[in-house]
Each structure stands twice: as structure tokens, then as C-alpha cells.
């Protein structure tokens, strides 16, 4: 063993997470299911392309009225 080796250190947060995972073994699976429910969605790239093409450029000052009367 090296004389420069530090003792194994675990922060309070790491200890808490390890303890939580030991108490609830299905925690990671539930997290993945929650992520899939809200975030992991199939993207319709054609619809997004049409959406981007249909955007109207915003005026530099949105509250300026048109003087084309």
C-alpha cells in the first residue's frame, strides 16, 4: 500500500443515496419509469420542421404600432 493513499471517504450525500438505494432497491427503476413518462418521447422531425418554417419574425420592439394607416 502506498504511503500517500488516503482513507476511503464518502460524503454525507453519497452515504444518504447508498442508504436510500439499500432501503428501496426498485428506486432506480421507478426513476427511469418517471423519466420515460415525461421526457423520453419520440420526436416527429417533420412536424418540428414545419413548425420552424411557419414562425413569424418578431419585431425589434414588439409594442411599436405600425404607421401604415
PDB file of N, CA and C in Angstrom:
ATOM      1  N   UNK A   1       0.842  -1.174   0.000  1.00  0.00           N
ATOM      2  CA  UNK A   1       0.000   0.000   0.000  1.00  0.00           C
ATOM      3  C   UNK A   1       0.891   1.244   0.000  1.00  0.00           C
ATOM      4  N   UNK A   2       0.466   2.246  -0.714  1.00  0.00           N
ATOM      5  CA  UNK A   2       1.215   3.481  -0.826  1.00  0.00           C
ATOM      6  C   UNK A   2       1.073   4.313   0.446  1.00  0.00           C
ATOM      7  N   UNK A   3       2.119   5.042   0.771  1.00  0.00           N
ATOM      8  CA  UNK A   3       2.033   5.893   1.966  1.00  0.00           C
ATOM      9  C   UNK A   3       1.195   7.148   1.694  1.00  0.00           C
ATOM     10  N   UNK A   4       0.933   7.424   0.423  1.00  0.00           N
ATOM     11  CA  UNK A   4       0.147   8.598   0.075  1.00  0.00           C
ATOM     12  C   UNK A   4      -1.342   8.296  -0.083  1.00  0.00           C
ATOM     13  N   UNK A   5      -1.725   7.038   0.091  1.00  0.00           N
ATOM     14  CA  UNK A   5      -3.126   6.664  -0.087  1.00  0.00           C
ATOM     15  C   UNK A   5      -3.968   7.276   1.015  1.00  0.00           C
ATOM     16  N   UNK A   6      -5.044   7.890   0.595  1.00  0.00           N
ATOM     17  CA  UNK A   6      -5.974   8.487   1.551  1.00  0.00           C
ATOM     18  C   UNK A   6      -6.986   7.435   1.990  1.00  0.00           C
ATOM     19  N   UNK A   7      -7.523   7.576   3.166  1.00  0.00           N
ATOM     20  CA  UNK A   7      -8.586   6.647   3.574  1.00  0.00           C
ATOM     21  C   UNK A   7      -9.832   6.888   2.721  1.00  0.00           C
ATOM     22  N   UNK A   8     -10.594   5.835   2.528  1.00  0.00           N
ATOM     23  CA  UNK A   8     -11.801   5.952   1.712  1.00  0.00           C
ATOM     24  C   UNK A   8     -12.764   6.942   2.355  1.00  0.00           C
ATOM     25  N   UNK A   9     -13.178   7.936   1.589  1.00  0.00           N
ATOM     26  CA  UNK A   9     -14.073   8.978   2.079  1.00  0.00           C
ATOM     27  C   UNK A   9     -15.372   8.925   1.304  1.00  0.00           C
ATOM     28  N   UNK A  10     -16.465   8.999   2.016  1.00  0.00           N
ATOM     29  CA  UNK A  10     -17.786   9.103   1.397  1.00  0.00           C
ATOM     30  C   UNK A  10     -18.489  10.295   2.018  1.00  0.00           C
ATOM     31  N   UNK A  11     -18.959  11.179   1.168  1.00  0.00           N
ATOM     32  CA  UNK A  11     -19.660  12.364   1.659  1.00  0.00           C
ATOM     33  C   UNK A  11     -20.997  11.953   2.268  1.00  0.00           C
ATOM     34  N   UNK A  12     -21.599  12.896   2.984  1.00  0.00           N
ATOM     35  CA  UNK A  12     -22.902  12.635   3.589  1.00  0.00           C
ATOM     36  C   UNK A  12     -23.949  12.360   2.519  1.00  0.00           C
ATOM     37  N   UNK A  13     -23.849  13.085   1.406  1.00  0.00           N
ATOM     38  CA  UNK A  13     -24.818  12.884   0.323  1.00  0.00           C
ATOM     39  C   UNK A  13     -24.679  11.481  -0.271  1.00  0.00           C
ATOM     40  N   UNK A  14     -23.447  11.033  -0.487  1.00  0.00           N
ATOM     41  CA  UNK A  14     -23.220   9.696  -1.032  1.00  0.00           C
ATOM     42  C   UNK A  14     -23.709   8.624  -0.064  1.00  0.00           C
ATOM     43  N   UNK A  15     -23.456   8.816   1.207  1.00  0.00           N
ATOM     44  CA  UNK A  15     -23.931   7.857   2.208  1.00  0.00           C
ATOM     45  C   UNK A  15     -25.456   7.804   2.221  1.00  0.00           C
ATOM     46  N   UNK A  16     -26.101   8.984   2.113  1.00  0.00           N
ATOM     47  CA  UNK A  16     -27.564   9.030   2.099  1.00  0.00           C
ATOM     48  C   UNK A  16     -28.121   8.286   0.888  1.00  0.00           C
ATOM     49  N   UNK A  17     -27.532   8.516  -0.289  1.00  0.00           N
ATOM     50  CA  UNK A  17     -28.012   7.864  -1.507  1.00  0.00           C
ATOM     51  C   UNK A  17     -27.805   6.355  -1.430  1.00  0.00           C
ATOM     52  N   UNK A  18     -26.648   5.932  -0.933  1.00  0.00           N
ATOM     53  CA  UNK A  18     -26.401   4.492  -0.783  1.00  0.00           C
ATOM     54  C   UNK A  18     -27.407   3.862   0.172  1.00  0.00           C
ATOM     55  N   UNK A  19     -27.706   4.552   1.271  1.00  0.00           N
ATOM     56  CA  UNK A  19     -28.676   4.037   2.242  1.00  0.00           C
ATOM     57  C   UNK A  19     -30.073   3.990   1.623  1.00  0.00           C
ATOM     58  N   UNK A  20     -30.429   5.011   0.871  1.00  0.00           N
ATOM     59  CA  UNK A  20     -31.742   5.052   0.228  1.00  0.00           C
ATOM     60  C   UNK A  20     -31.894   3.923  -0.788  1.00  0.00           C
ATOM     61  N   UNK A  21     -30.850   3.675  -1.570  1.00  0.00           N
ATOM     62  CA  UNK A  21     -30.897   2.581  -2.546  1.00  0.00           C
ATOM     63  C   UNK A  21     -30.973   1.227  -1.861  1.00  0.00           C
ATOM     64  N   UNK A  22     -30.337   1.103  -0.695  1.00  0.00           N
ATOM     65  CA  UNK A  22     -30.410  -0.164   0.037  1.00  0.00           C
ATOM     66  C   UNK A  22     -31.818  -0.387   0.586  1.00  0.00           C
ATOM     67  N   UNK A  23     -32.473   0.687   1.013  1.00  0.00           N
ATOM     68  CA  UNK A  23     -33.826   0.572   1.567  1.00  0.00           C
ATOM     69  C   UNK A  23     -34.864   0.364   0.468  1.00  0.00           C
ATOM     70  N   UNK A  24     -34.636   0.958  -0.696  1.00  0.00           N
ATOM     71  CA  UNK A  24     -35.594   0.870  -1.795  1.00  0.00           C
ATOM     72  C   UNK A  24     -34.876   0.377  -3.050  1.00  0.00           C
ATOM     73  N   UNK A  25     -34.745  -0.938  -3.197  1.00  0.00           N
ATOM     74  CA  UNK A  25     -33.995  -1.479  -4.347  1.00  0.00           C
ATOM     75  C   UNK A  25     -34.602  -1.137  -5.701  1.00  0.00           C
ATOM     76  N   UNK A  26     -35.901  -0.843  -5.755  1.00  0.00           N
ATOM     77  CA  UNK A  26     -36.546  -0.537  -7.026  1.00  0.00           C
ATOM     78  C   UNK A  26     -36.533   0.958  -7.349  1.00  0.00           C
ATOM     79  N   UNK A  27     -35.783   1.748  -6.604  1.00  0.00           N
ATOM     80  CA  UNK A  27     -35.769   3.195  -6.766  1.00  0.00           C
ATOM     81  C   UNK A  27     -35.315   3.615  -8.167  1.00  0.00           C
ATOM     82  N   UNK A  28     -34.241   3.049  -8.660  1.00  0.00           N
ATOM     83  CA  UNK A  28     -33.726   3.430  -9.977  1.00  0.00           C
ATOM     84  C   UNK A  28     -34.713   3.068 -11.084  1.00  0.00           C
ATOM     85  N   UNK A  29     -35.377   1.936 -10.960  1.00  0.00           N
ATOM     86  CA  UNK A  29     -36.366   1.533 -11.967  1.00  0.00           C
ATOM     87  C   UNK A  29     -37.542   2.506 -11.967  1.00  0.00           C
ATOM     88  N   UNK A  30     -37.960   2.955 -10.798  1.00  0.00           N
ATOM     89  CA  UNK A  30     -39.052   3.931 -10.724  1.00  0.00           C
ATOM     90  C   UNK A  30     -38.620   5.269 -11.297  1.00  0.00           C
ATOM     91  N   UNK A  31     -37.369   5.657 -11.075  1.00  0.00           N
ATOM     92  CA  UNK A  31     -36.862   6.899 -11.647  1.00  0.00           C
ATOM     93  C   UNK A  31     -36.861   6.826 -13.178  1.00  0.00           C
ATOM     94  N   UNK A  32     -36.411   5.701 -13.718  1.00  0.00           N
ATOM     95  CA  UNK A  32     -36.397   5.529 -15.172  1.00  0.00           C
ATOM     96  C   UNK A  32     -37.815   5.557 -15.744  1.00  0.00           C
ATOM     97  N   UNK A  33     -38.762   4.944 -15.027  1.00  0.00           N
ATOM     98  CA  UNK A  33     -40.156   4.941 -15.486  1.00  0.00           C
ATOM     99  C   UNK A  33     -40.716   6.359 -15.476  1.00  0.00           C
ATOM    100  N   UNK A  34     -40.392   7.143 -14.473  1.00  0.00           N
ATOM    101  CA  UNK A  34     -40.851   8.525 -14.415  1.00  0.00           C
ATOM    102  C   UNK A  34     -40.245   9.367 -15.519  1.00  0.00           C
ATOM    103  N   UNK A  35     -38.987   9.140 -15.801  1.00  0.00           N
ATOM    104  CA  UNK A  35     -38.341   9.881 -16.889  1.00  0.00           C
ATOM    105  C   UNK A  35     -38.971   9.519 -18.227  1.00  0.00           C
ATOM    106  N   UNK A  36     -39.227   8.248 -18.450  1.00  0.00           N
ATOM    107  CA  UNK A  36     -39.832   7.812 -19.709  1.00  0.00           C
ATOM    108  C   UNK A  36     -41.228   8.403 -19.860  1.00  0.00           C
ATOM    109  N   UNK A  37     -41.920   8.578 -18.751  1.00  0.00           N
ATOM    110  CA  UNK A  37     -43.275   9.119 -18.787  1.00  0.00           C
ATOM    111  C   UNK A  37     -43.286  10.567 -19.266  1.00  0.00           C
ATOM    112  N   UNK A  38     -42.289  11.347 -18.836  1.00  0.00           N
ATOM    113  CA  UNK A  38     -42.317  12.778 -19.116  1.00  0.00           C
ATOM    114  C   UNK A  38     -41.351  13.233 -20.205  1.00  0.00           C
ATOM    115  N   UNK A  39     -40.196  12.597 -20.335  1.00  0.00           N
ATOM    116  CA  UNK A  39     -39.137  13.157 -21.166  1.00  0.00           C
ATOM    117  C   UNK A  39     -38.772  12.334 -22.385  1.00  0.00           C
ATOM    118  N   UNK A  40     -38.709  11.050 -22.263  1.00  0.00           N
ATOM    119  CA  UNK A  40     -38.233  10.215 -23.363  1.00  0.00           C
ATOM    120  C   UNK A  40     -39.364   9.960 -24.357  1.00  0.00           C
ATOM    121  N   UNK A  41     -39.538  10.907 -25.251  1.00  0.00           N
ATOM    122  CA  UNK A  41     -40.607  10.827 -26.240  1.00  0.00           C
ATOM    123  C   UNK A  41     -40.007  10.765 -27.635  1.00  0.00           C
ATOM    124  N   UNK A  42     -40.735  10.136 -28.538  1.00  0.00           N
ATOM    125  CA  UNK A  42     -40.307  10.117 -29.932  1.00  0.00           C
ATOM    126  C   UNK A  42     -40.564  11.495 -30.534  1.00  0.00           C
ATOM    127  N   UNK A  43     -39.608  11.999 -31.292  1.00  0.00           N
ATOM    128  CA  UNK A  43     -39.706  13.338 -31.866  1.00  0.00           C
ATOM    129  C   UNK A  43     -40.118  13.216 -33.330  1.00  0.00           C
ATOM    130  N   UNK A  44     -41.176  13.929 -33.701  1.00  0.00           N
ATOM    131  CA  UNK A  44     -41.610  13.981 -35.091  1.00  0.00           C
ATOM    132  C   UNK A  44     -40.854  15.128 -35.761  1.00  0.00           C
ATOM    133  N   UNK A  45     -39.772  14.815 -36.423  1.00  0.00           N
ATOM    134  CA  UNK A  45     -38.905  15.847 -37.002  1.00  0.00           C
ATOM    135  C   UNK A  45     -39.586  16.612 -38.132  1.00  0.00           C
ATOM    136  N   UNK A  46     -40.472  15.962 -38.858  1.00  0.00           N
ATOM    137  CA  UNK A  46     -41.191  16.638 -39.926  1.00  0.00           C
ATOM    138  C   UNK A  46     -42.104  17.723 -39.352  1.00  0.00           C
ATOM    139  N   UNK A  47     -42.809  17.407 -38.278  1.00  0.00           N
ATOM    140  CA  UNK A  47     -43.690  18.387 -37.649  1.00  0.00           C
ATOM    141  C   UNK A  47     -42.883  19.562 -37.100  1.00  0.00           C
ATOM    142  N   UNK A  48     -41.719  19.284 -36.510  1.00  0.00           N
ATOM    143  CA  UNK A  48     -40.879  20.364 -35.990  1.00  0.00           C
ATOM    144  C   UNK A  48     -40.349  21.235 -37.122  1.00  0.00           C
ATOM    145  N   UNK A  49     -40.005  20.643 -38.247  1.00  0.00           N
ATOM    146  CA  UNK A  49     -39.521  21.430 -39.386  1.00  0.00           C
ATOM    147  C   UNK A  49     -40.624  22.349 -39.898  1.00  0.00           C
ATOM    148  N   UNK A  50     -41.851  21.841 -39.981  1.00  0.00           N
ATOM    149  CA  UNK A  50     -42.967  22.674 -40.410  1.00  0.00           C
ATOM    150  C   UNK A  50     -43.231  23.786 -39.404  1.00  0.00           C
ATOM    151  N   UNK A  51     -43.109  23.494 -38.145  1.00  0.00           N
ATOM    152  CA  UNK A  51     -43.304  24.497 -37.103  1.00  0.00           C
ATOM    153  C   UNK A  51     -42.279  25.622 -37.240  1.00  0.00           C
ATOM    154  N   UNK A  52     -41.024  25.262 -37.470  1.00  0.00           N
ATOM    155  CA  UNK A  52     -39.974  26.275 -37.614  1.00  0.00           C
ATOM    156  C   UNK A  52     -40.178  27.121 -38.873  1.00  0.00           C
ATOM    157  N   UNK A  53     -40.656  26.504 -39.950  1.00  0.00           N
ATOM    158  CA  UNK A  53     -40.903  27.245 -41.186  1.00  0.00           C
ATOM    159  C   UNK A  53     -42.067  28.222 -41.035  1.00  0.00           C
ATOM    160  N   UNK A  54     -43.014  27.905 -40.197  1.00  0.00           N
ATOM    161  CA  UNK A  54     -44.197  28.731 -40.032  1.00  0.00           C
ATOM    162  C   UNK A  54     -44.032  29.880 -39.054  1.00  0.00           C
ATOM    163  N   UNK A  55     -42.880  29.990 -38.424  1.00  0.00           N
ATOM    164  CA  UNK A  55     -42.673  31.069 -37.458  1.00  0.00           C
ATOM    165  C   UNK A  55     -42.593  32.416 -38.156  1.00  0.00           C
ATOM    166  N   UNK A  56     -43.096  33.432 -37.497  1.00  0.00           N
ATOM    167  CA  UNK A  56     -43.048  34.797 -38.000  1.00  0.00           C
ATOM    168  C   UNK A  56     -42.003  35.544 -37.182  1.00  0.00           C
ATOM    169  N   UNK A  57     -41.137  36.269 -37.861  1.00  0.00           N
ATOM    170  CA  UNK A  57     -40.084  37.001 -37.160  1.00  0.00           C
ATOM    171  C   UNK A  57     -40.687  38.079 -36.267  1.00  0.00           C
ATOM    172  N   UNK A  58     -40.150  38.206 -35.078  1.00  0.00           N
ATOM    173  CA  UNK A  58     -40.640  39.209 -34.143  1.00  0.00           C
ATOM    174  C   UNK A  58     -40.011  40.564 -34.451  1.00  0.00           C
ATOM    175  N   UNK A  59     -40.789  41.632 -34.274  1.00  0.00           N
ATOM    176  CA  UNK A  59     -40.269  42.976 -34.487  1.00  0.00           C
ATOM    177  C   UNK A  59     -39.239  43.299 -33.414  1.00  0.00           C
ATOM    178  N   UNK A  60     -38.312  44.208 -33.704  1.00  0.00           N
ATOM    179  CA  UNK A  60     -37.323  44.575 -32.696  1.00  0.00           C
ATOM    180  C   UNK A  60     -37.961  45.145 -31.430  1.00  0.00           C
ATOM    181  N   UNK A  61     -39.003  45.927 -31.615  1.00  0.00           N
ATOM    182  CA  UNK A  61     -39.722  46.471 -30.464  1.00  0.00           C
ATOM    183  C   UNK A  61     -41.172  46.061 -30.633  1.00  0.00           C
ATOM    184  N   UNK A  62     -41.616  45.121 -29.824  1.00  0.00           N
ATOM    185  CA  UNK A  62     -42.912  44.479 -30.053  1.00  0.00           C
ATOM    186  C   UNK A  62     -44.088  45.404 -29.793  1.00  0.00           C
ATOM    187  N   UNK A  63     -43.903  46.472 -29.027  1.00  0.00           N
ATOM    188  CA  UNK A  63     -45.022  47.349 -28.699  1.00  0.00           C
ATOM    189  C   UNK A  63     -45.167  48.517 -29.680  1.00  0.00           C
ATOM    190  N   UNK A  64     -44.286  48.589 -30.659  1.00  0.00           N
ATOM    191  CA  UNK A  64     -44.369  49.653 -31.651  1.00  0.00           C
ATOM    192  C   UNK A  64     -45.537  49.380 -32.584  1.00  0.00           C
ATOM    193  N   UNK A  65     -46.371  50.376 -32.787  1.00  0.00           N
ATOM    194  CA  UNK A  65     -47.504  50.197 -33.687  1.00  0.00           C
ATOM    195  C   UNK A  65     -47.058  50.466 -35.118  1.00  0.00           C
ATOM    196  N   UNK A  66     -47.768  49.895 -36.072  1.00  0.00           N
ATOM    197  CA  UNK A  66     -47.469  50.123 -37.473  1.00  0.00           C
ATOM    198  C   UNK A  66     -48.007  51.481 -37.894  1.00  0.00           C
ATOM    199  N   UNK A  67     -47.247  52.248 -38.659  1.00  0.00           N
ATOM    200  CA  UNK A  67     -47.683  53.553 -39.147  1.00  0.00           C
ATOM    201  C   UNK A  67     -48.125  53.467 -40.596  1.00  0.00           C
ATOM    202  N   UNK A  68     -48.690  52.336 -40.971  1.00  0.00           N
ATOM    203  CA  UNK A  68     -49.103  52.135 -42.363  1.00  0.00           C
ATOM    204  C   UNK A  68     -50.587  52.448 -42.536  1.00  0.00           C
ATOM    205  N   UNK A  69     -51.106  53.428 -41.858  1.00  0.00           N
ATOM    206  CA  UNK A  69     -52.538  53.741 -41.955  1.00  0.00           C
ATOM    207  C   UNK A  69     -52.821  54.579 -43.136  1.00  0.00           C
TER     208      UNK A  69
END
